[in-house]
C-alpha atoms as a PDB file:
ATOM      1  CA  MET A   1      30.821 -19.905  -5.315  1.00  0.00           C
ATOM      2  CA  LYS A   2      33.440 -17.309  -6.022  1.00  0.00           C
ATOM      3  CA  ILE A   3      33.430 -13.780  -5.818  1.00  0.00           C
ATOM      4  CA  ASP A   4      34.316 -12.075  -9.430  1.00  0.00           C
ATOM      5  CA  LYS A   5      36.248  -9.016  -9.487  1.00  0.00           C
ATOM      6  CA  LEU A   6      34.566  -5.917  -9.431  1.00  0.00           C
ATOM      7  CA  THR A   7      34.970  -4.234 -12.002  1.00  0.00           C
ATOM      8  CA  ARG A   8      33.993  -0.394 -12.656  1.00  0.00           C
ATOM      9  CA  ARG A   9      30.783  -1.227 -15.291  1.00  0.00           C
ATOM     10  CA  ARG A  10      29.533  -3.843 -12.798  1.00  0.00           C
ATOM     11  CA  MET A  11      30.021  -1.650  -9.685  1.00  0.00           C
ATOM     12  CA  LEU A  12      28.127   1.356 -11.525  1.00  0.00           C
ATOM     13  CA  LEU A  13      25.501  -1.409 -12.268  1.00  0.00           C
ATOM     14  CA  VAL A  14      24.626  -1.924  -8.700  1.00  0.00           C
ATOM     15  CA  ILE A  15      24.692   1.381  -7.206  1.00  0.00           C
ATOM     16  CA  GLY A  16      22.494   2.491 -10.119  1.00  0.00           C
ATOM     17  CA  GLU A  17      20.467  -0.424  -8.632  1.00  0.00           C
ATOM     18  CA  LEU A  18      20.357   0.909  -5.172  1.00  0.00           C
ATOM     19  CA  ALA A  19      19.663   4.189  -6.337  1.00  0.00           C
ATOM     20  CA  ALA A  20      16.638   3.311  -8.394  1.00  0.00           C
ATOM     21  CA  ALA A  21      15.921   0.741  -5.642  1.00  0.00           C
ATOM     22  CA  ALA A  22      15.717   3.747  -3.043  1.00  0.00           C
ATOM     23  CA  ALA A  23      13.315   5.844  -5.120  1.00  0.00           C
ATOM     24  CA  LEU A  24      11.080   2.833  -5.157  1.00  0.00           C
ATOM     25  CA  VAL A  25      10.979   2.352  -1.951  1.00  0.00           C
ATOM     26  CA  SER A  26      10.394   5.765  -0.252  1.00  0.00           C
ATOM     27  CA  CYS A  27       7.421   6.428  -2.599  1.00  0.00           C
ATOM     28  CA  ALA A  28       5.915   3.111  -1.153  1.00  0.00           C
ATOM     29  CA  PRO A  29       2.387   4.140   0.312  1.00  0.00           C
ATOM     30  CA  GLU A  30       2.551   2.134   3.329  1.00  0.00           C
ATOM     31  CA  GLN A  31       5.827   3.416   4.800  1.00  0.00           C
ATOM     32  CA  GLU A  32       5.531   5.949   6.902  1.00  0.00           C
ATOM     33  CA  VAL A  33       8.941   7.982   6.617  1.00  0.00           C
ATOM     34  CA  ALA A  34      10.641  11.800   7.238  1.00  0.00           C
ATOM     35  CA  GLU A  35      10.618  13.518   3.995  1.00  0.00           C
ATOM     36  CA  THR A  36      13.545  15.131   4.205  1.00  0.00           C
ATOM     37  CA  VAL A  37      17.060  15.122   6.561  1.00  0.00           C
ATOM     38  CA  VAL A  38      17.992  18.265   7.252  1.00  0.00           C
ATOM     39  CA  GLY A  39      22.115  18.946   8.537  1.00  0.00           C
ATOM     40  CA  SER A  40      23.343  20.981  11.463  1.00  0.00           C
ATOM     41  CA  ASN A  41      24.395  23.696   8.453  1.00  0.00           C
ATOM     42  CA  GLY A  42      20.788  23.634   7.259  1.00  0.00           C
ATOM     43  CA  VAL A  43      21.446  21.561   4.231  1.00  0.00           C
ATOM     44  CA  THR A  44      17.822  20.053   3.607  1.00  0.00           C
ATOM     45  CA  VAL A  45      18.453  16.596   1.302  1.00  0.00           C
ATOM     46  CA  TYR A  46      15.572  14.310   0.100  1.00  0.00           C
ATOM     47  CA  GLU A  47      15.126  11.286   2.068  1.00  0.00           C
ATOM     48  CA  ALA A  48      14.823   9.090  -1.571  1.00  0.00           C
ATOM     49  CA  GLU A  49      18.139  11.020  -2.665  1.00  0.00           C
ATOM     50  CA  SER A  50      19.698  10.174   1.679  1.00  0.00           C
ATOM     51  CA  ILE A  51      18.670   6.607   0.685  1.00  0.00           C
ATOM     52  CA  ALA A  52      20.499   6.272  -2.540  1.00  0.00           C
ATOM     53  CA  LEU A  53      23.616   7.695  -0.970  1.00  0.00           C
ATOM     54  CA  LEU A  54      24.180   5.441   2.104  1.00  0.00           C
ATOM     55  CA  ALA A  55      22.985   2.266   0.101  1.00  0.00           C
ATOM     56  CA  GLY A  56      26.082   3.903  -2.377  1.00  0.00           C
ATOM     57  CA  LEU A  57      28.373   4.990   0.531  1.00  0.00           C
ATOM     58  CA  ALA A  58      27.651   0.848   2.389  1.00  0.00           C
ATOM     59  CA  PHE A  59      27.861  -0.997  -1.022  1.00  0.00           C
ATOM     60  CA  ASP A  60      31.239   1.107  -1.263  1.00  0.00           C
ATOM     61  CA  ILE A  61      32.318  -0.038   1.933  1.00  0.00           C
ATOM     62  CA  PHE A  62      31.261  -3.805   1.701  1.00  0.00           C
ATOM     63  CA  PRO A  63      30.668  -4.375  -2.194  1.00  0.00           C
ATOM     64  CA  TYR A  64      28.967  -7.783  -2.654  1.00  0.00           C
ATOM     65  CA  PRO A  65      27.808  -7.186  -6.231  1.00  0.00           C
ATOM     66  CA  ASP A  66      26.076 -10.602  -6.074  1.00  0.00           C
ATOM     67  CA  LEU A  67      23.754  -9.662  -3.122  1.00  0.00           C
ATOM     68  CA  ASP A  68      20.248  -8.015  -3.852  1.00  0.00           C
ATOM     69  CA  PRO A  69      20.600  -4.500  -3.526  1.00  0.00           C
ATOM     70  CA  MET A  70      17.575  -4.209  -1.217  1.00  0.00           C
ATOM     71  CA  VAL A  71      20.069  -5.235   1.619  1.00  0.00           C
ATOM     72  CA  TYR A  72      22.100  -2.055   1.107  1.00  0.00           C
ATOM     73  CA  ILE A  73      18.653  -0.194   1.008  1.00  0.00           C
ATOM     74  CA  ARG A  74      17.679  -1.789   4.885  1.00  0.00           C
ATOM     75  CA  VAL A  75      21.082  -0.533   5.857  1.00  0.00           C
ATOM     76  CA  ALA A  76      20.532   2.799   4.606  1.00  0.00           C
ATOM     77  CA  GLU A  77      17.025   2.799   5.896  1.00  0.00           C
ATOM     78  CA  ARG A  78      18.183   1.814   9.667  1.00  0.00           C
ATOM     79  CA  ALA A  79      20.902   4.371   9.115  1.00  0.00           C
ATOM     80  CA  LEU A  80      17.961   7.169   8.647  1.00  0.00           C
ATOM     81  CA  ASN A  81      15.772   5.161  11.527  1.00  0.00           C
ATOM     82  CA  LEU A  82      18.690   6.374  13.809  1.00  0.00           C
ATOM     83  CA  ASP A  83      17.259   9.655  13.750  1.00  0.00           C
ATOM     84  CA  ASP A  84      21.393  10.706  14.138  1.00  0.00           C
ATOM     85  CA  PRO A  85      22.897  14.291  13.786  1.00  0.00           C
ATOM     86  CA  ASP A  86      26.069  12.723  12.748  1.00  0.00           C
ATOM     87  CA  ILE A  87      24.185  10.365   9.688  1.00  0.00           C
ATOM     88  CA  ALA A  88      22.283  13.789   8.773  1.00  0.00           C
ATOM     89  CA  ASN A  89      25.345  16.048   8.918  1.00  0.00           C
ATOM     90  CA  GLY A  90      27.370  13.350   7.164  1.00  0.00           C
ATOM     91  CA  ILE A  91      24.901  13.521   4.228  1.00  0.00           C
ATOM     92  CA  ALA A  92      25.477  17.130   4.642  1.00  0.00           C
ATOM     93  CA  LEU A  93      28.388  17.289   4.033  1.00  0.00           C
ATOM     94  CA  LEU A  94      28.733  14.253   1.053  1.00  0.00           C
ATOM     95  CA  HIS A  95      26.042  16.732  -0.770  1.00  0.00           C
ATOM     96  CA  GLU A  96      28.521  19.989   0.125  1.00  0.00           C
ATOM     97  CA  ASN A  97      31.328  17.944  -1.284  1.00  0.00           C
ATOM     98  CA  PHE A  98      29.679  16.652  -4.571  1.00  0.00           C
ATOM     99  CA  PRO A  99      26.422  19.130  -4.941  1.00  0.00           C
ATOM    100  CA  GLU A 100      26.454  18.353  -8.709  1.00  0.00           C
ATOM    101  CA  ARG A 101      26.503  14.898  -9.032  1.00  0.00           C
ATOM    102  CA  ALA A 102      25.217  11.754  -7.430  1.00  0.00           C
ATOM    103  CA  TRP A 103      27.108   9.693  -5.556  1.00  0.00           C
ATOM    104  CA  VAL A 104      26.937   6.858  -8.080  1.00  0.00           C
ATOM    105  CA  ASP A 105      27.981   9.742 -10.564  1.00  0.00           C
ATOM    106  CA  VAL A 106      31.041  11.012  -8.695  1.00  0.00           C
ATOM    107  CA  PRO A 107      34.497   8.604 -10.122  1.00  0.00           C
ATOM    108  CA  GLU A 108      35.517   5.391  -7.920  1.00  0.00           C
ATOM    109  CA  GLU A 109      39.085   6.990  -7.291  1.00  0.00           C
ATOM    110  CA  GLU A 110      37.317  10.096  -5.553  1.00  0.00           C
ATOM    111  CA  ARG A 111      34.886   7.971  -3.657  1.00  0.00           C
ATOM    112  CA  VAL A 112      37.863   5.505  -2.140  1.00  0.00           C
ATOM    113  CA  ASP A 113      39.298   8.917  -1.331  1.00  0.00           C
ATOM    114  CA  PHE A 114      36.606  10.446   0.650  1.00  0.00           C
ATOM    115  CA  LEU A 115      36.268   7.378   2.040  1.00  0.00           C
ATOM    116  CA  ARG A 116      39.281   7.504   3.214  1.00  0.00           C
ATOM    117  CA  LEU A 117      38.959  10.878   4.875  1.00  0.00           C
ATOM    118  CA  LEU A 118      35.630   9.947   6.410  1.00  0.00           C
ATOM    119  CA  GLN A 119      36.912   6.116   7.640  1.00  0.00           C
ATOM    120  CA  ARG A 120      37.320   8.014  11.462  1.00  0.00           C
ATOM    121  CA  SER A 121      34.328   9.756  11.418  1.00  0.00           C
ATOM    122  CA  ARG A 122      31.045   8.973  13.205  1.00  0.00           C
ATOM    123  CA  LEU A 123      29.130   8.929  10.288  1.00  0.00           C
ATOM    124  CA  PHE A 124      31.439   5.349   8.587  1.00  0.00           C
ATOM    125  CA  VAL A 125      31.992   3.830  12.190  1.00  0.00           C
ATOM    126  CA  LEU A 126      28.044   3.990  11.897  1.00  0.00           C
ATOM    127  CA  LEU A 127      27.466   2.948   8.609  1.00  0.00           C
ATOM    128  CA  LYS A 128      29.716   0.471   9.015  1.00  0.00           C
ATOM    129  CA  SER A 129      28.612  -1.192  12.073  1.00  0.00           C
ATOM    130  CA  ILE A 130      25.025  -1.511  10.722  1.00  0.00           C
ATOM    131  CA  VAL A 131      26.720  -2.927   7.183  1.00  0.00           C
ATOM    132  CA  ILE A 132      28.107  -5.655   9.297  1.00  0.00           C
ATOM    133  CA  GLU A 133      25.062  -6.183  11.300  1.00  0.00           C
ATOM    134  CA  VAL A 134      22.619  -6.115   8.109  1.00  0.00           C
ATOM    135  CA  VAL A 135      25.111  -7.291   5.236  1.00  0.00           C
ATOM    136  CA  PHE A 136      26.473  -9.740   7.291  1.00  0.00           C
ATOM    137  CA  ARG A 137      23.441 -11.522   8.988  1.00  0.00           C
ATOM    138  CA  ASN A 138      21.930 -12.438   5.482  1.00  0.00           C
ATOM    139  CA  PRO A 139      21.897 -16.065   4.114  1.00  0.00           C
ATOM    140  CA  ALA A 140      22.103 -14.362   0.363  1.00  0.00           C
ATOM    141  CA  LEU A 141      25.962 -13.742   1.387  1.00  0.00           C
ATOM    142  CA  TRP A 142      26.478 -16.564   3.620  1.00  0.00           C
ATOM    143  CA  ASP A 143      26.127 -18.411   0.287  1.00  0.00           C
ATOM    144  CA  LEU A 144      28.463 -16.033  -2.007  1.00  0.00           C
ATOM    145  CA  VAL A 145      31.114 -16.282   0.689  1.00  0.00           C
ATOM    146  CA  GLY A 146      30.987 -20.316   1.617  1.00  0.00           C
ATOM    147  CA  TYR A 147      29.408 -19.654   5.002  1.00  0.00           C
ATOM    148  CA  GLY A 148      27.472 -22.524   6.095  1.00  0.00           C
ATOM    149  CA  GLY A 149      25.773 -20.639   8.750  1.00  0.00           C
ATOM    150  CA  SER A 150      25.972 -20.938  12.964  1.00  0.00           C
ATOM    151  CA  ALA A 151      26.822 -24.331  14.123  1.00  0.00           C
ATOM    152  CA  ILE A 152      24.494 -23.626  16.865  1.00  0.00           C
ATOM    153  CA  GLU A 153      21.684 -24.065  15.227  1.00  0.00           C
ATOM    154  CA  GLN A 154      22.749 -27.595  13.281  1.00  0.00           C
ATOM    155  CA  GLY A 155      24.020 -29.313  16.396  1.00  0.00           C
ATOM    156  CA  GLY A 156      27.129 -27.853  17.186  1.00  0.00           C
ATOM    157  CA  TYR A 157      30.470 -27.990  15.796  1.00  0.00           C
ATOM    158  CA  LEU A 158      31.252 -32.177  17.644  1.00  0.00           C
ATOM    159  CA  ASN A 159      27.795 -32.888  15.146  1.00  0.00           C
ATOM    160  CA  ARG A 160      29.191 -30.647  12.130  1.00  0.00           C
ATOM    161  CA  GLY A 161      33.119 -31.471  11.089  1.00  0.00           C
ATOM    162  CA  PHE A 162      35.086 -29.694  13.640  1.00  0.00           C
ATOM    163  CA  ASP A 163      37.529 -32.473  12.765  1.00  0.00           C
ATOM    164  CA  GLU A 164      37.560 -31.918   8.933  1.00  0.00           C
ATOM    165  CA  ILE A 165      39.791 -28.965   8.953  1.00  0.00           C
ATOM    166  CA  THR A 166      41.568 -29.146   5.524  1.00  0.00           C
ATOM    167  CA  TRP A 167      44.522 -26.131   6.336  1.00  0.00           C
ATOM    168  CA  LEU A 168      45.852 -26.930   8.915  1.00  0.00           C
ATOM    169  CA  PRO A 169      48.967 -29.446   8.490  1.00  0.00           C
ATOM    170  CA  ASP A 170      48.276 -33.544   9.389  1.00  0.00           C
ATOM    171  CA  ARG A 171      48.452 -34.009  13.071  1.00  0.00           C
ATOM    172  CA  VAL A 172      52.352 -35.390  14.087  1.00  0.00           C
ATOM    173  CA  GLU A 173      52.498 -38.187  16.506  1.00  0.00           C
ATOM    174  CA  LEU A 174      54.739 -37.665  19.881  1.00  0.00           C
ATOM    175  CA  GLN A 175      56.708 -40.238  20.788  1.00  0.00           C
END
């Protein structure tokens, strides 16, 4: 399946879905989760807002609009479950920089600029590693990008067409 160019409208719709899903997940009675995240500067942020924010960040780092938004929610939950002060401080920093609007309401250019500033931060590094682990291990993404899955479970590369490489030039016979 081909991944379509990500339009601003489609991205806003997906991030909106992420925010709604985060709100629903945080209201689930069977989940025992902390109600707030507090940064070192004392800023308190409710968990549903934190999940929506982190899910939006995860989506902005690796945007796959056709992927189920719950995958990004899982990324956010895993990040919060780390109970890492760098995550809490990063969330507080984002709320300080965008106090009157949700991440989804921040124009794309501002989000990208802010993500560039965060690239070397511990929050970004942690979130990126969680996204890679959660998103790229998801078989739904494999279908989107055309990855057939691990060869080991399917008999290895010898039995799975290792010699069917179409992007290499034809073999030249040496004489």
